[in-house]
Amino acid sequence: MRTIAAVATIVLCGAVISKAVALPLTPFRYADQAQRYCPTDKVVWLDFRKGRYYAKGQKLYGQGFDGSFVCLNEARTSGYRRSVLGVR
């Protein structure tokens, strides 16, 4: 009886864990490429190392080697947070 309960617990935990997968991003080297990919969405600079994204007009937009241009909705649904610092 214990083995059946243990197997059921493992299966249920596996089902819960598999839902916590982030959606894939479509990173671009240039902002124009990202804008063509998502014409109705804003383009942001995503800093992979910090886990933040920067909007156009912010100081760190397009800066650094650990980032890429992505669509705003993709960044949000993938779990990245916006940066409130560096607004010009």
Protein backbone atom coordinates (compact mmCIF):
# COMPACT_ATOMS: atom_id res chain seq x y z
CA MET A 1 0.00 0.00 0.00
CA ARG A 2 2.87 2.36 0.77
CA THR A 3 4.49 1.80 -2.62
CA ILE A 4 1.29 2.78 -4.42
CA ALA A 5 1.08 5.98 -2.37
CA ALA A 6 4.74 6.73 -3.02
CA VAL A 7 4.34 6.22 -6.78
CA ALA A 8 1.23 8.42 -6.80
CA THR A 9 3.10 11.16 -4.94
CA ILE A 10 6.01 11.04 -7.39
CA VAL A 11 3.67 11.20 -10.38
CA LEU A 12 1.75 14.14 -8.93
CA CYS A 13 4.94 16.02 -8.06
CA GLY A 14 6.25 15.43 -11.56
CA ALA A 15 3.07 16.89 -13.05
CA VAL A 16 3.37 20.01 -10.89
CA ILE A 17 7.06 20.50 -11.67
CA SER A 18 6.58 20.19 -15.42
CA LYS A 19 4.20 23.17 -15.43
CA ALA A 20 6.87 25.51 -14.08
CA VAL A 21 8.76 25.65 -17.37
CA ALA A 22 9.51 29.10 -18.79
CA LEU A 23 8.50 29.91 -22.32
CA PRO A 24 11.30 30.11 -24.88
CA LEU A 25 12.54 33.53 -25.92
CA THR A 26 13.34 34.70 -29.41
CA PRO A 27 16.43 36.88 -28.90
CA PHE A 28 17.69 39.28 -31.56
CA ARG A 29 20.96 41.09 -32.02
CA TYR A 30 19.35 44.31 -33.26
CA ALA A 31 16.21 46.14 -32.14
CA ASP A 32 14.93 46.42 -35.73
CA GLN A 33 14.94 42.63 -36.10
CA ALA A 34 12.92 42.23 -32.92
CA GLN A 35 10.44 44.90 -34.02
CA ARG A 36 9.83 43.09 -37.32
CA TYR A 37 9.23 39.86 -35.38
CA CYS A 38 6.63 41.47 -33.08
CA PRO A 39 5.31 44.60 -34.85
CA THR A 40 2.50 45.25 -32.35
CA ASP A 41 4.67 44.83 -29.23
CA LYS A 42 7.42 46.94 -27.66
CA VAL A 43 11.03 45.86 -27.92
CA VAL A 44 13.11 45.71 -24.74
CA TRP A 45 16.73 44.92 -23.91
CA LEU A 46 16.92 41.78 -21.81
CA ASP A 47 19.86 41.35 -19.47
CA PHE A 48 20.17 37.60 -18.98
CA ARG A 49 22.62 37.84 -16.08
CA LYS A 50 20.50 40.23 -14.00
CA GLY A 51 17.12 38.83 -15.01
CA ARG A 52 15.79 42.29 -15.89
CA TYR A 53 14.65 44.07 -19.02
CA TYR A 54 15.09 47.71 -19.99
CA ALA A 55 12.78 49.82 -22.11
CA LYS A 56 13.91 52.27 -24.76
CA GLY A 57 15.04 55.47 -23.06
CA GLN A 58 16.57 53.76 -20.05
CA LYS A 59 20.30 54.09 -19.48
CA LEU A 60 21.13 50.38 -19.88
CA TYR A 61 18.95 49.80 -22.97
CA GLY A 62 21.10 47.98 -25.51
CA GLN A 63 24.16 47.94 -23.22
CA GLY A 64 26.28 44.98 -22.18
CA PHE A 65 27.34 41.64 -23.55
CA ASP A 66 24.95 39.43 -21.57
CA GLY A 67 21.75 40.58 -23.23
CA SER A 68 19.61 40.67 -26.31
CA PHE A 69 16.63 42.46 -27.81
CA VAL A 70 13.31 40.66 -27.26
CA CYS A 71 9.59 41.39 -27.36
CA LEU A 72 8.12 42.76 -24.15
CA ASN A 73 5.42 40.10 -23.82
CA GLU A 74 7.94 37.29 -24.24
CA ALA A 75 10.16 38.80 -21.55
CA ARG A 76 7.25 39.09 -19.12
CA THR A 77 5.88 35.61 -19.71
CA SER A 78 9.37 34.13 -19.32
CA GLY A 79 9.67 35.52 -15.81
CA TYR A 80 11.93 38.51 -16.38
CA ARG A 81 11.17 41.70 -14.44
CA ARG A 82 11.34 45.29 -15.58
CA SER A 83 13.99 47.61 -14.27
CA VAL A 84 12.76 50.83 -12.70
CA LEU A 85 16.24 52.36 -12.62
CA GLY A 86 17.86 54.42 -15.30
CA VAL A 87 14.81 56.20 -16.72
CA ARG A 88 15.85 59.29 -18.67
